[in-house]
Amino acid sequence: MTQALPKVVTFEEFVNWLPENTGVRYELHHGNIIEMAQPVGEHEEIKGFLTIKLSAAIDRLDLPYFIPNQAIVRPHGKDCGYFPDVLLLNRANLVNEKLWKKQSTLSLGESIPLVMEIVSTNWRDDYHLKYADYEEMGIPEYWIVDYAALGGRNFIGNPKQPTICVCYLVDGEYQISKFQEGDYIVSPTFPELNLTTNQIFQAGVV
């Protein structure tokens, strides 16, 4: 579970407060500092697998993208700050990001071709809060990787099953494609990615 700390703060206060090298992760959700649960091993293995596959595609296609280790996504004008599990950045647009050089912060959808959240116990943040903010920012593609089938039944079916939702912008609104057991992922950003849900879900299986 995530745990909210009591004080309501601005984004600037949050960035200045962020502790370093504590091993604890925090996000800012509408002024509330949220202590994030420590990811389990399977979560991290899937994150690593996806990072490797995307990095290989970037290199193969010679795209001006990279995947940072830590960067903050701040929806414009909001006291929110997110640390996505996987974040793809467009180098060409970083000159337009006023807070990038000093605070590693991004507020423009044009800077983020693709963002991914790997669902943990705080699944409502990924399916509701971040979905709405990433859509409003104009991030073209957003993956919700629900490998443990934690989300609501209206998102992943009844009975629940592991699902990857690929959300992509059409006329400013996300359209959602759902991929489940054995499906090949269809990514508008990487149409030749050639990945199945099973490859992703089994990345953490020894």
N, C-alpha and C. Protein backbone atom coordinates (compact mmCIF):
# COMPACT_ATOMS: atom_id res chain seq x y z
N MET A 1 0.85 -1.20 0.00
CA MET A 1 0.00 0.00 0.00
C MET A 1 0.89 1.25 0.00
N THR A 2 0.38 2.32 -0.60
CA THR A 2 1.07 3.60 -0.51
C THR A 2 0.58 4.33 0.72
N GLN A 3 1.40 5.18 1.24
CA GLN A 3 1.08 5.90 2.47
C GLN A 3 1.25 7.39 2.25
N ALA A 4 0.21 8.16 2.52
CA ALA A 4 0.26 9.60 2.33
C ALA A 4 0.86 10.26 3.57
N LEU A 5 1.78 11.19 3.34
CA LEU A 5 2.28 12.01 4.42
C LEU A 5 1.34 13.21 4.56
N PRO A 6 1.18 13.75 5.78
CA PRO A 6 0.07 14.67 6.04
C PRO A 6 0.14 16.02 5.36
N LYS A 7 1.33 16.58 5.15
CA LYS A 7 1.42 17.96 4.70
C LYS A 7 1.13 18.10 3.21
N VAL A 8 0.32 19.08 2.84
CA VAL A 8 0.06 19.40 1.44
C VAL A 8 1.12 20.39 0.98
N VAL A 9 1.78 20.08 -0.15
CA VAL A 9 2.90 20.90 -0.60
C VAL A 9 2.74 21.25 -2.08
N THR A 10 3.50 22.25 -2.50
CA THR A 10 3.56 22.59 -3.92
C THR A 10 4.57 21.68 -4.61
N PHE A 11 4.56 21.73 -5.94
CA PHE A 11 5.53 20.92 -6.68
C PHE A 11 6.96 21.37 -6.35
N GLU A 12 7.18 22.66 -6.27
CA GLU A 12 8.51 23.18 -5.99
C GLU A 12 8.99 22.73 -4.61
N GLU A 13 8.10 22.75 -3.63
CA GLU A 13 8.46 22.28 -2.30
C GLU A 13 8.79 20.78 -2.32
N PHE A 14 8.04 20.04 -3.10
CA PHE A 14 8.28 18.60 -3.21
C PHE A 14 9.66 18.31 -3.79
N VAL A 15 10.01 19.00 -4.87
CA VAL A 15 11.30 18.77 -5.51
C VAL A 15 12.44 19.13 -4.56
N ASN A 16 12.29 20.23 -3.84
CA ASN A 16 13.33 20.63 -2.90
C ASN A 16 13.43 19.69 -1.71
N TRP A 17 12.31 19.06 -1.36
CA TRP A 17 12.26 18.15 -0.21
C TRP A 17 12.78 16.76 -0.53
N LEU A 18 12.67 16.32 -1.77
CA LEU A 18 12.97 14.93 -2.13
C LEU A 18 14.30 14.47 -1.52
N PRO A 19 14.27 13.45 -0.68
CA PRO A 19 15.52 12.95 -0.10
C PRO A 19 16.30 12.13 -1.12
N GLU A 20 17.61 12.10 -0.96
CA GLU A 20 18.48 11.35 -1.87
C GLU A 20 19.03 10.11 -1.18
N ASN A 21 19.14 9.05 -1.96
CA ASN A 21 19.84 7.83 -1.52
C ASN A 21 19.22 7.20 -0.28
N THR A 22 17.90 7.30 -0.14
CA THR A 22 17.24 6.68 1.01
C THR A 22 16.70 5.30 0.69
N GLY A 23 16.56 4.98 -0.59
CA GLY A 23 15.95 3.72 -0.98
C GLY A 23 14.43 3.76 -0.96
N VAL A 24 13.86 4.90 -0.55
CA VAL A 24 12.41 5.06 -0.51
C VAL A 24 11.98 5.96 -1.66
N ARG A 25 10.92 5.57 -2.37
CA ARG A 25 10.45 6.34 -3.51
C ARG A 25 9.21 7.14 -3.10
N TYR A 26 9.14 8.37 -3.63
CA TYR A 26 8.00 9.22 -3.34
C TYR A 26 7.46 9.81 -4.65
N GLU A 27 6.16 10.09 -4.66
CA GLU A 27 5.54 10.87 -5.72
C GLU A 27 4.67 11.94 -5.08
N LEU A 28 4.30 12.91 -5.89
CA LEU A 28 3.40 13.97 -5.43
C LEU A 28 2.09 13.85 -6.19
N HIS A 29 1.01 13.60 -5.46
CA HIS A 29 -0.31 13.45 -6.06
C HIS A 29 -1.21 14.58 -5.56
N HIS A 30 -1.37 15.60 -6.40
CA HIS A 30 -2.24 16.74 -6.08
C HIS A 30 -1.91 17.32 -4.71
N GLY A 31 -0.63 17.60 -4.50
CA GLY A 31 -0.19 18.26 -3.27
C GLY A 31 0.14 17.32 -2.14
N ASN A 32 -0.16 16.05 -2.27
CA ASN A 32 0.09 15.08 -1.21
C ASN A 32 1.33 14.24 -1.55
N ILE A 33 2.29 14.20 -0.64
CA ILE A 33 3.47 13.37 -0.83
C ILE A 33 3.09 11.93 -0.52
N ILE A 34 3.34 11.06 -1.48
CA ILE A 34 2.97 9.66 -1.36
C ILE A 34 4.23 8.80 -1.29
N GLU A 35 4.33 8.00 -0.24
CA GLU A 35 5.43 7.05 -0.15
C GLU A 35 5.03 5.79 -0.93
N MET A 36 5.82 5.46 -1.96
CA MET A 36 5.49 4.35 -2.84
C MET A 36 6.01 3.04 -2.25
N ALA A 37 5.22 1.99 -2.43
CA ALA A 37 5.64 0.68 -1.96
C ALA A 37 6.89 0.22 -2.70
N GLN A 38 7.77 -0.49 -2.01
CA GLN A 38 8.95 -1.05 -2.64
C GLN A 38 8.52 -2.08 -3.68
N PRO A 39 8.95 -1.93 -4.95
CA PRO A 39 8.53 -2.89 -5.98
C PRO A 39 9.06 -4.29 -5.67
N VAL A 40 8.25 -5.30 -5.98
CA VAL A 40 8.67 -6.68 -5.81
C VAL A 40 9.58 -7.07 -6.97
N GLY A 41 10.25 -8.21 -6.83
CA GLY A 41 11.21 -8.63 -7.84
C GLY A 41 10.63 -8.79 -9.21
N GLU A 42 9.44 -9.38 -9.31
CA GLU A 42 8.83 -9.60 -10.62
C GLU A 42 8.55 -8.28 -11.33
N HIS A 43 8.09 -7.30 -10.58
CA HIS A 43 7.86 -5.96 -11.13
C HIS A 43 9.14 -5.41 -11.76
N GLU A 44 10.26 -5.54 -11.05
CA GLU A 44 11.53 -5.00 -11.53
C GLU A 44 12.07 -5.78 -12.72
N GLU A 45 11.84 -7.09 -12.75
CA GLU A 45 12.29 -7.88 -13.89
C GLU A 45 11.53 -7.52 -15.16
N ILE A 46 10.23 -7.29 -15.03
CA ILE A 46 9.43 -6.87 -16.18
C ILE A 46 9.87 -5.48 -16.64
N LYS A 47 10.09 -4.59 -15.69
CA LYS A 47 10.59 -3.25 -16.03
C LYS A 47 11.92 -3.34 -16.77
N GLY A 48 12.84 -4.17 -16.30
CA GLY A 48 14.12 -4.33 -16.96
C GLY A 48 13.99 -4.92 -18.35
N PHE A 49 13.12 -5.90 -18.49
CA PHE A 49 12.89 -6.54 -19.79
C PHE A 49 12.37 -5.53 -20.81
N LEU A 50 11.38 -4.74 -20.41
CA LEU A 50 10.81 -3.75 -21.33
C LEU A 50 11.82 -2.66 -21.68
N THR A 51 12.63 -2.26 -20.71
CA THR A 51 13.67 -1.26 -20.97
C THR A 51 14.67 -1.77 -21.99
N ILE A 52 15.08 -3.03 -21.87
CA ILE A 52 16.03 -3.61 -22.82
C ILE A 52 15.42 -3.67 -24.22
N LYS A 53 14.18 -4.12 -24.32
CA LYS A 53 13.53 -4.26 -25.63
C LYS A 53 13.34 -2.91 -26.31
N LEU A 54 12.93 -1.91 -25.54
CA LEU A 54 12.75 -0.57 -26.12
C LEU A 54 14.09 0.05 -26.51
N SER A 55 15.09 -0.14 -25.68
CA SER A 55 16.42 0.40 -25.99
C SER A 55 16.96 -0.21 -27.27
N ALA A 56 16.74 -1.51 -27.45
CA ALA A 56 17.19 -2.18 -28.67
C ALA A 56 16.48 -1.61 -29.89
N ALA A 57 15.17 -1.35 -29.76
CA ALA A 57 14.40 -0.78 -30.88
C ALA A 57 14.87 0.64 -31.20
N ILE A 58 15.15 1.43 -30.16
CA ILE A 58 15.66 2.79 -30.37
C ILE A 58 16.97 2.76 -31.14
N ASP A 59 17.86 1.85 -30.73
CA ASP A 59 19.16 1.75 -31.37
C ASP A 59 19.03 1.27 -32.81
N ARG A 60 18.20 0.27 -33.01
CA ARG A 60 18.04 -0.31 -34.35
C ARG A 60 17.46 0.71 -35.33
N LEU A 61 16.51 1.51 -34.85
CA LEU A 61 15.84 2.48 -35.72
C LEU A 61 16.53 3.84 -35.74
N ASP A 62 17.60 3.98 -34.92
CA ASP A 62 18.36 5.22 -34.83
C ASP A 62 17.46 6.40 -34.50
N LEU A 63 16.65 6.24 -33.47
CA LEU A 63 15.71 7.28 -33.05
C LEU A 63 16.37 8.20 -32.02
N PRO A 64 15.96 9.47 -31.96
CA PRO A 64 16.56 10.42 -31.01
C PRO A 64 15.94 10.30 -29.62
N TYR A 65 15.75 9.07 -29.15
CA TYR A 65 15.10 8.82 -27.87
C TYR A 65 16.09 8.21 -26.89
N PHE A 66 15.77 8.31 -25.60
CA PHE A 66 16.52 7.57 -24.58
C PHE A 66 15.61 7.34 -23.39
N ILE A 67 16.03 6.42 -22.52
CA ILE A 67 15.26 6.06 -21.34
C ILE A 67 16.05 6.48 -20.11
N PRO A 68 15.58 7.50 -19.39
CA PRO A 68 16.33 7.97 -18.21
C PRO A 68 16.14 7.02 -17.03
N ASN A 69 17.08 7.08 -16.10
CA ASN A 69 16.95 6.29 -14.89
C ASN A 69 15.94 6.91 -13.93
N GLN A 70 15.98 8.22 -13.80
CA GLN A 70 15.06 8.94 -12.93
C GLN A 70 14.69 10.26 -13.59
N ALA A 71 13.43 10.47 -13.83
CA ALA A 71 12.95 11.76 -14.33
C ALA A 71 11.53 11.95 -13.80
N ILE A 72 11.20 13.19 -13.52
CA ILE A 72 9.88 13.52 -12.96
C ILE A 72 8.96 13.99 -14.08
N VAL A 73 7.76 13.44 -14.11
CA VAL A 73 6.73 13.92 -15.03
C VAL A 73 5.77 14.79 -14.22
N ARG A 74 5.68 16.06 -14.64
CA ARG A 74 4.79 16.99 -13.95
C ARG A 74 3.72 17.48 -14.91
N PRO A 75 2.46 17.08 -14.73
CA PRO A 75 1.38 17.65 -15.55
C PRO A 75 1.38 19.17 -15.38
N HIS A 76 1.27 19.88 -16.47
CA HIS A 76 1.45 21.33 -16.49
C HIS A 76 0.54 22.02 -15.48
N GLY A 77 1.17 22.84 -14.62
CA GLY A 77 0.43 23.67 -13.69
C GLY A 77 -0.13 22.94 -12.48
N LYS A 78 0.15 21.64 -12.33
CA LYS A 78 -0.41 20.88 -11.22
C LYS A 78 0.66 20.56 -10.19
N ASP A 79 0.24 20.43 -8.95
CA ASP A 79 1.15 20.01 -7.89
C ASP A 79 1.18 18.49 -7.85
N CYS A 80 1.72 17.94 -8.95
CA CYS A 80 1.88 16.50 -9.10
C CYS A 80 3.27 16.23 -9.65
N GLY A 81 3.83 15.12 -9.25
CA GLY A 81 5.13 14.70 -9.78
C GLY A 81 5.22 13.19 -9.77
N TYR A 82 5.34 12.59 -10.95
CA TYR A 82 5.34 11.14 -11.07
C TYR A 82 6.70 10.64 -11.54
N PHE A 83 7.05 9.44 -11.09
CA PHE A 83 8.25 8.74 -11.56
C PHE A 83 7.80 7.47 -12.28
N PRO A 84 7.52 7.54 -13.57
CA PRO A 84 7.02 6.36 -14.28
C PRO A 84 8.02 5.21 -14.24
N ASP A 85 7.50 4.00 -14.39
CA ASP A 85 8.38 2.83 -14.39
C ASP A 85 9.29 2.82 -15.62
N VAL A 86 8.74 3.14 -16.77
CA VAL A 86 9.53 3.26 -18.00
C VAL A 86 9.11 4.53 -18.70
N LEU A 87 10.08 5.36 -19.04
CA LEU A 87 9.81 6.67 -19.63
C LEU A 87 10.71 6.86 -20.84
N LEU A 88 10.11 7.08 -21.97
CA LEU A 88 10.86 7.30 -23.21
C LEU A 88 10.90 8.79 -23.49
N LEU A 89 12.10 9.34 -23.67
CA LEU A 89 12.24 10.78 -23.89
C LEU A 89 12.73 11.09 -25.30
N ASN A 90 12.21 12.17 -25.84
CA ASN A 90 12.61 12.69 -27.14
C ASN A 90 13.62 13.81 -26.92
N ARG A 91 14.90 13.52 -27.21
CA ARG A 91 15.95 14.50 -26.99
C ARG A 91 15.67 15.83 -27.68
N ALA A 92 15.06 15.78 -28.87
CA ALA A 92 14.87 16.99 -29.67
C ALA A 92 13.98 18.01 -28.98
N ASN A 93 13.12 17.56 -28.06
CA ASN A 93 12.20 18.51 -27.43
C ASN A 93 12.65 18.96 -26.04
N LEU A 94 13.74 18.44 -25.56
CA LEU A 94 14.18 18.81 -24.21
C LEU A 94 14.58 20.28 -24.11
N VAL A 95 14.93 20.90 -25.21
CA VAL A 95 15.25 22.34 -25.18
C VAL A 95 14.05 23.17 -24.77
N ASN A 96 12.85 22.62 -24.92
CA ASN A 96 11.62 23.33 -24.56
C ASN A 96 11.16 23.06 -23.13
N GLU A 97 11.88 22.17 -22.44
CA GLU A 97 11.52 21.82 -21.07
C GLU A 97 12.29 22.71 -20.10
N LYS A 98 11.60 23.65 -19.48
CA LYS A 98 12.26 24.65 -18.65
C LYS A 98 12.90 24.07 -17.40
N LEU A 99 12.37 22.96 -16.90
CA LEU A 99 12.88 22.41 -15.65
C LEU A 99 13.76 21.18 -15.87
N TRP A 100 14.07 20.86 -17.12
CA TRP A 100 14.81 19.64 -17.38
C TRP A 100 16.23 19.69 -16.83
N LYS A 101 16.99 20.72 -17.15
CA LYS A 101 18.42 20.73 -16.81
C LYS A 101 18.66 20.78 -15.30
N LYS A 102 17.83 21.49 -14.57
CA LYS A 102 18.08 21.65 -13.13
C LYS A 102 17.32 20.64 -12.28
N GLN A 103 16.15 20.17 -12.77
CA GLN A 103 15.32 19.31 -11.93
C GLN A 103 14.91 18.00 -12.60
N SER A 104 15.42 17.72 -13.80
CA SER A 104 15.05 16.49 -14.53
C SER A 104 13.54 16.31 -14.60
N THR A 105 12.86 17.43 -14.88
CA THR A 105 11.40 17.44 -14.87
C THR A 105 10.86 17.72 -16.26
N LEU A 106 9.78 17.00 -16.62
CA LEU A 106 9.15 17.10 -17.94
C LEU A 106 7.68 17.46 -17.78
N SER A 107 7.22 18.40 -18.60
CA SER A 107 5.82 18.80 -18.54
C SER A 107 5.14 18.79 -19.90
N LEU A 108 5.88 18.49 -20.96
CA LEU A 108 5.33 18.56 -22.31
C LEU A 108 5.17 17.17 -22.91
N GLY A 109 3.98 16.90 -23.42
CA GLY A 109 3.74 15.61 -24.04
C GLY A 109 4.66 15.34 -25.22
N GLU A 110 5.09 16.41 -25.90
CA GLU A 110 5.98 16.24 -27.05
C GLU A 110 7.34 15.67 -26.65
N SER A 111 7.67 15.76 -25.38
CA SER A 111 8.96 15.25 -24.90
C SER A 111 8.90 13.76 -24.57
N ILE A 112 7.68 13.20 -24.52
CA ILE A 112 7.49 11.84 -24.02
C ILE A 112 6.70 11.02 -25.04
N PRO A 113 7.37 10.35 -25.97
CA PRO A 113 6.64 9.54 -26.95
C PRO A 113 5.87 8.38 -26.31
N LEU A 114 6.41 7.85 -25.21
CA LEU A 114 5.82 6.64 -24.61
C LEU A 114 6.15 6.61 -23.13
N VAL A 115 5.15 6.23 -22.33
CA VAL A 115 5.34 6.08 -20.90
C VAL A 115 4.66 4.78 -20.48
N MET A 116 5.26 4.10 -19.48
CA MET A 116 4.71 2.84 -19.00
C MET A 116 4.61 2.84 -17.48
N GLU A 117 3.52 2.29 -16.98
CA GLU A 117 3.38 2.04 -15.55
C GLU A 117 3.11 0.54 -15.37
N ILE A 118 3.89 -0.08 -14.49
CA ILE A 118 3.71 -1.49 -14.16
C ILE A 118 2.90 -1.54 -12.87
N VAL A 119 1.73 -2.13 -12.94
CA VAL A 119 0.73 -2.00 -11.89
C VAL A 119 1.16 -2.70 -10.60
N SER A 120 1.03 -1.97 -9.48
CA SER A 120 1.24 -2.51 -8.15
C SER A 120 -0.07 -2.41 -7.38
N THR A 121 0.01 -2.49 -6.07
CA THR A 121 -1.22 -2.49 -5.27
C THR A 121 -2.00 -1.18 -5.40
N ASN A 122 -1.31 -0.10 -5.74
CA ASN A 122 -1.98 1.19 -5.92
C ASN A 122 -2.49 1.33 -7.37
N TRP A 123 -3.21 0.32 -7.84
CA TRP A 123 -3.58 0.24 -9.26
C TRP A 123 -4.48 1.39 -9.70
N ARG A 124 -5.24 1.94 -8.79
CA ARG A 124 -6.14 3.04 -9.18
C ARG A 124 -5.36 4.26 -9.68
N ASP A 125 -4.15 4.47 -9.15
CA ASP A 125 -3.32 5.58 -9.64
C ASP A 125 -3.02 5.42 -11.12
N ASP A 126 -2.71 4.19 -11.55
CA ASP A 126 -2.32 3.95 -12.94
C ASP A 126 -3.53 4.01 -13.88
N TYR A 127 -4.65 3.46 -13.44
CA TYR A 127 -5.83 3.39 -14.30
C TYR A 127 -6.67 4.66 -14.30
N HIS A 128 -6.54 5.48 -13.28
CA HIS A 128 -7.38 6.68 -13.17
C HIS A 128 -6.54 7.96 -13.16
N LEU A 129 -5.78 8.16 -12.08
CA LEU A 129 -5.06 9.42 -11.89
C LEU A 129 -4.05 9.69 -13.01
N LYS A 130 -3.12 8.76 -13.22
CA LYS A 130 -2.08 8.98 -14.21
C LYS A 130 -2.63 8.89 -15.62
N TYR A 131 -3.60 8.02 -15.82
CA TYR A 131 -4.26 7.94 -17.13
C TYR A 131 -4.78 9.32 -17.54
N ALA A 132 -5.52 9.98 -16.63
CA ALA A 132 -6.11 11.28 -16.94
C ALA A 132 -5.03 12.34 -17.16
N ASP A 133 -4.00 12.33 -16.32
CA ASP A 133 -2.96 13.36 -16.43
C ASP A 133 -2.10 13.15 -17.67
N TYR A 134 -1.74 11.91 -17.98
CA TYR A 134 -0.94 11.65 -19.17
C TYR A 134 -1.72 12.00 -20.44
N GLU A 135 -3.02 11.71 -20.41
CA GLU A 135 -3.87 12.07 -21.55
C GLU A 135 -3.93 13.58 -21.72
N GLU A 136 -4.14 14.30 -20.62
CA GLU A 136 -4.23 15.77 -20.67
C GLU A 136 -2.92 16.39 -21.13
N MET A 137 -1.80 15.79 -20.76
CA MET A 137 -0.49 16.28 -21.18
C MET A 137 -0.25 16.07 -22.68
N GLY A 138 -0.97 15.14 -23.27
CA GLY A 138 -0.78 14.84 -24.68
C GLY A 138 0.33 13.83 -24.94
N ILE A 139 0.62 12.97 -23.95
CA ILE A 139 1.59 11.90 -24.17
C ILE A 139 0.98 10.91 -25.16
N PRO A 140 1.63 10.67 -26.30
CA PRO A 140 0.99 9.90 -27.37
C PRO A 140 0.64 8.47 -27.02
N GLU A 141 1.44 7.83 -26.17
CA GLU A 141 1.21 6.40 -25.90
C GLU A 141 1.52 6.09 -24.44
N TYR A 142 0.61 5.35 -23.81
CA TYR A 142 0.72 5.01 -22.39
C TYR A 142 0.36 3.54 -22.21
N TRP A 143 1.31 2.77 -21.68
CA TRP A 143 1.06 1.36 -21.40
C TRP A 143 0.77 1.16 -19.91
N ILE A 144 -0.27 0.40 -19.61
CA ILE A 144 -0.56 -0.03 -18.25
C ILE A 144 -0.32 -1.54 -18.22
N VAL A 145 0.77 -1.95 -17.59
CA VAL A 145 1.19 -3.36 -17.61
C VAL A 145 0.74 -4.00 -16.30
N ASP A 146 -0.37 -4.72 -16.37
CA ASP A 146 -0.99 -5.31 -15.18
C ASP A 146 -0.70 -6.81 -15.17
N TYR A 147 0.54 -7.17 -14.87
CA TYR A 147 0.98 -8.57 -14.96
C TYR A 147 0.37 -9.45 -13.87
N ALA A 148 -0.01 -8.85 -12.72
CA ALA A 148 -0.56 -9.61 -11.60
C ALA A 148 -2.08 -9.53 -11.53
N ALA A 149 -2.71 -8.94 -12.55
CA ALA A 149 -4.17 -8.83 -12.62
C ALA A 149 -4.75 -8.19 -11.35
N LEU A 150 -4.24 -7.00 -11.04
CA LEU A 150 -4.66 -6.29 -9.83
C LEU A 150 -5.77 -5.28 -10.10
N GLY A 151 -5.92 -4.84 -11.34
CA GLY A 151 -6.86 -3.76 -11.66
C GLY A 151 -8.30 -4.17 -11.55
N GLY A 152 -9.18 -3.18 -11.71
CA GLY A 152 -10.61 -3.42 -11.63
C GLY A 152 -11.10 -4.30 -12.77
N ARG A 153 -12.19 -5.03 -12.53
CA ARG A 153 -12.72 -5.96 -13.53
C ARG A 153 -13.17 -5.27 -14.80
N ASN A 154 -13.59 -4.01 -14.69
CA ASN A 154 -14.00 -3.29 -15.90
C ASN A 154 -12.81 -2.98 -16.80
N PHE A 155 -11.58 -3.10 -16.26
CA PHE A 155 -10.38 -2.88 -17.07
C PHE A 155 -9.80 -4.19 -17.60
N ILE A 156 -9.78 -5.24 -16.77
CA ILE A 156 -9.05 -6.45 -17.15
C ILE A 156 -9.93 -7.69 -17.23
N GLY A 157 -11.24 -7.51 -17.12
CA GLY A 157 -12.15 -8.63 -17.33
C GLY A 157 -12.57 -9.33 -16.06
N ASN A 158 -13.59 -10.16 -16.20
CA ASN A 158 -14.13 -10.94 -15.09
C ASN A 158 -14.35 -12.37 -15.56
N PRO A 159 -13.55 -13.33 -15.09
CA PRO A 159 -12.54 -13.20 -14.04
C PRO A 159 -11.34 -12.38 -14.49
N LYS A 160 -10.65 -11.82 -13.51
CA LYS A 160 -9.49 -11.00 -13.81
C LYS A 160 -8.39 -11.83 -14.47
N GLN A 161 -7.69 -11.21 -15.41
CA GLN A 161 -6.53 -11.86 -16.01
C GLN A 161 -5.47 -10.82 -16.35
N PRO A 162 -4.20 -11.24 -16.36
CA PRO A 162 -3.13 -10.30 -16.69
C PRO A 162 -3.40 -9.60 -18.02
N THR A 163 -3.22 -8.30 -18.03
CA THR A 163 -3.60 -7.49 -19.19
C THR A 163 -2.60 -6.36 -19.39
N ILE A 164 -2.33 -6.04 -20.64
CA ILE A 164 -1.58 -4.83 -20.98
C ILE A 164 -2.52 -3.92 -21.76
N CYS A 165 -2.77 -2.75 -21.23
CA CYS A 165 -3.59 -1.75 -21.93
C CYS A 165 -2.65 -0.77 -22.62
N VAL A 166 -2.77 -0.69 -23.93
CA VAL A 166 -2.01 0.30 -24.69
C VAL A 166 -2.97 1.44 -25.03
N CYS A 167 -2.72 2.59 -24.43
CA CYS A 167 -3.57 3.76 -24.61
C CYS A 167 -2.85 4.71 -25.58
N TYR A 168 -3.54 5.12 -26.63
CA TYR A 168 -2.91 5.97 -27.63
C TYR A 168 -3.86 7.11 -27.99
N LEU A 169 -3.27 8.29 -28.20
CA LEU A 169 -4.07 9.49 -28.42
C LEU A 169 -4.71 9.51 -29.80
N VAL A 170 -6.00 9.81 -29.83
CA VAL A 170 -6.74 10.08 -31.05
C VAL A 170 -7.59 11.32 -30.79
N ASP A 171 -7.28 12.41 -31.49
CA ASP A 171 -8.00 13.67 -31.29
C ASP A 171 -8.01 14.09 -29.82
N GLY A 172 -6.86 13.93 -29.17
CA GLY A 172 -6.71 14.41 -27.80
C GLY A 172 -7.25 13.49 -26.72
N GLU A 173 -7.79 12.33 -27.10
CA GLU A 173 -8.33 11.39 -26.12
C GLU A 173 -7.69 10.02 -26.31
N TYR A 174 -7.48 9.32 -25.19
CA TYR A 174 -6.90 7.99 -25.28
C TYR A 174 -7.93 6.98 -25.78
N GLN A 175 -7.51 6.21 -26.76
CA GLN A 175 -8.21 4.99 -27.15
C GLN A 175 -7.42 3.84 -26.55
N ILE A 176 -8.11 2.79 -26.13
CA ILE A 176 -7.46 1.71 -25.40
C ILE A 176 -7.56 0.40 -26.17
N SER A 177 -6.41 -0.24 -26.38
CA SER A 177 -6.36 -1.60 -26.89
C SER A 177 -5.88 -2.49 -25.76
N LYS A 178 -6.60 -3.60 -25.52
CA LYS A 178 -6.25 -4.50 -24.42
C LYS A 178 -5.65 -5.78 -24.98
N PHE A 179 -4.54 -6.20 -24.38
CA PHE A 179 -3.84 -7.39 -24.83
C PHE A 179 -3.69 -8.35 -23.65
N GLN A 180 -4.09 -9.61 -23.90
CA GLN A 180 -4.04 -10.60 -22.84
C GLN A 180 -3.29 -11.83 -23.33
N GLU A 181 -3.46 -12.95 -22.69
CA GLU A 181 -2.60 -14.12 -22.89
C GLU A 181 -2.37 -14.46 -24.36
N GLY A 182 -1.10 -14.46 -24.75
CA GLY A 182 -0.70 -14.87 -26.09
C GLY A 182 -0.81 -13.81 -27.16
N ASP A 183 -1.37 -12.65 -26.83
CA ASP A 183 -1.55 -11.60 -27.84
C ASP A 183 -0.21 -10.94 -28.18
N TYR A 184 -0.08 -10.54 -29.44
CA TYR A 184 1.03 -9.67 -29.83
C TYR A 184 0.66 -8.23 -29.52
N ILE A 185 1.57 -7.51 -28.90
CA ILE A 185 1.34 -6.10 -28.57
C ILE A 185 1.39 -5.27 -29.85
N VAL A 186 0.43 -4.37 -29.99
CA VAL A 186 0.44 -3.42 -31.10
C VAL A 186 0.75 -2.04 -30.52
N SER A 187 1.92 -1.51 -30.88
CA SER A 187 2.37 -0.22 -30.38
C SER A 187 2.45 0.79 -31.52
N PRO A 188 1.70 1.88 -31.48
CA PRO A 188 1.81 2.90 -32.52
C PRO A 188 3.21 3.50 -32.62
N THR A 189 3.91 3.62 -31.48
CA THR A 189 5.25 4.20 -31.49
C THR A 189 6.28 3.23 -32.07
N PHE A 190 6.10 1.94 -31.79
CA PHE A 190 7.03 0.91 -32.26
C PHE A 190 6.25 -0.22 -32.95
N PRO A 191 5.77 0.03 -34.17
CA PRO A 191 4.92 -0.97 -34.85
C PRO A 191 5.64 -2.29 -35.13
N GLU A 192 6.97 -2.30 -35.11
CA GLU A 192 7.71 -3.53 -35.37
C GLU A 192 8.31 -4.12 -34.10
N LEU A 193 7.71 -3.84 -32.96
CA LEU A 193 8.28 -4.28 -31.69
C LEU A 193 8.28 -5.81 -31.56
N ASN A 194 7.25 -6.47 -32.05
CA ASN A 194 7.21 -7.94 -32.11
C ASN A 194 7.34 -8.57 -30.73
N LEU A 195 6.52 -8.12 -29.80
CA LEU A 195 6.50 -8.66 -28.45
C LEU A 195 5.12 -9.23 -28.14
N THR A 196 5.08 -10.35 -27.40
CA THR A 196 3.80 -10.89 -26.95
C THR A 196 3.62 -10.57 -25.47
N THR A 197 2.39 -10.65 -25.03
CA THR A 197 2.11 -10.48 -23.60
C THR A 197 2.83 -11.55 -22.79
N ASN A 198 2.88 -12.77 -23.30
CA ASN A 198 3.52 -13.85 -22.54
C ASN A 198 5.00 -13.58 -22.32
N GLN A 199 5.68 -13.03 -23.32
CA GLN A 199 7.09 -12.70 -23.14
C GLN A 199 7.28 -11.69 -22.01
N ILE A 200 6.38 -10.72 -21.94
CA ILE A 200 6.47 -9.69 -20.91
C ILE A 200 6.10 -10.27 -19.53
N PHE A 201 4.98 -10.99 -19.47
CA PHE A 201 4.52 -11.52 -18.19
C PHE A 201 5.49 -12.56 -17.62
N GLN A 202 6.18 -13.26 -18.48
CA GLN A 202 7.10 -14.31 -18.02
C GLN A 202 8.53 -13.80 -17.82
N ALA A 203 8.73 -12.51 -17.99
CA ALA A 203 10.08 -11.96 -17.83
C ALA A 203 10.59 -12.17 -16.41
N GLY A 204 9.67 -12.27 -15.46
CA GLY A 204 10.08 -12.46 -14.08
C GLY A 204 10.02 -13.91 -13.62
N VAL A 205 9.82 -14.82 -14.54
CA VAL A 205 9.73 -16.25 -14.18
C VAL A 205 11.10 -16.88 -14.36
N VAL A 206 11.59 -17.49 -13.32
CA VAL A 206 12.91 -18.14 -13.38
C VAL A 206 12.77 -19.52 -14.00
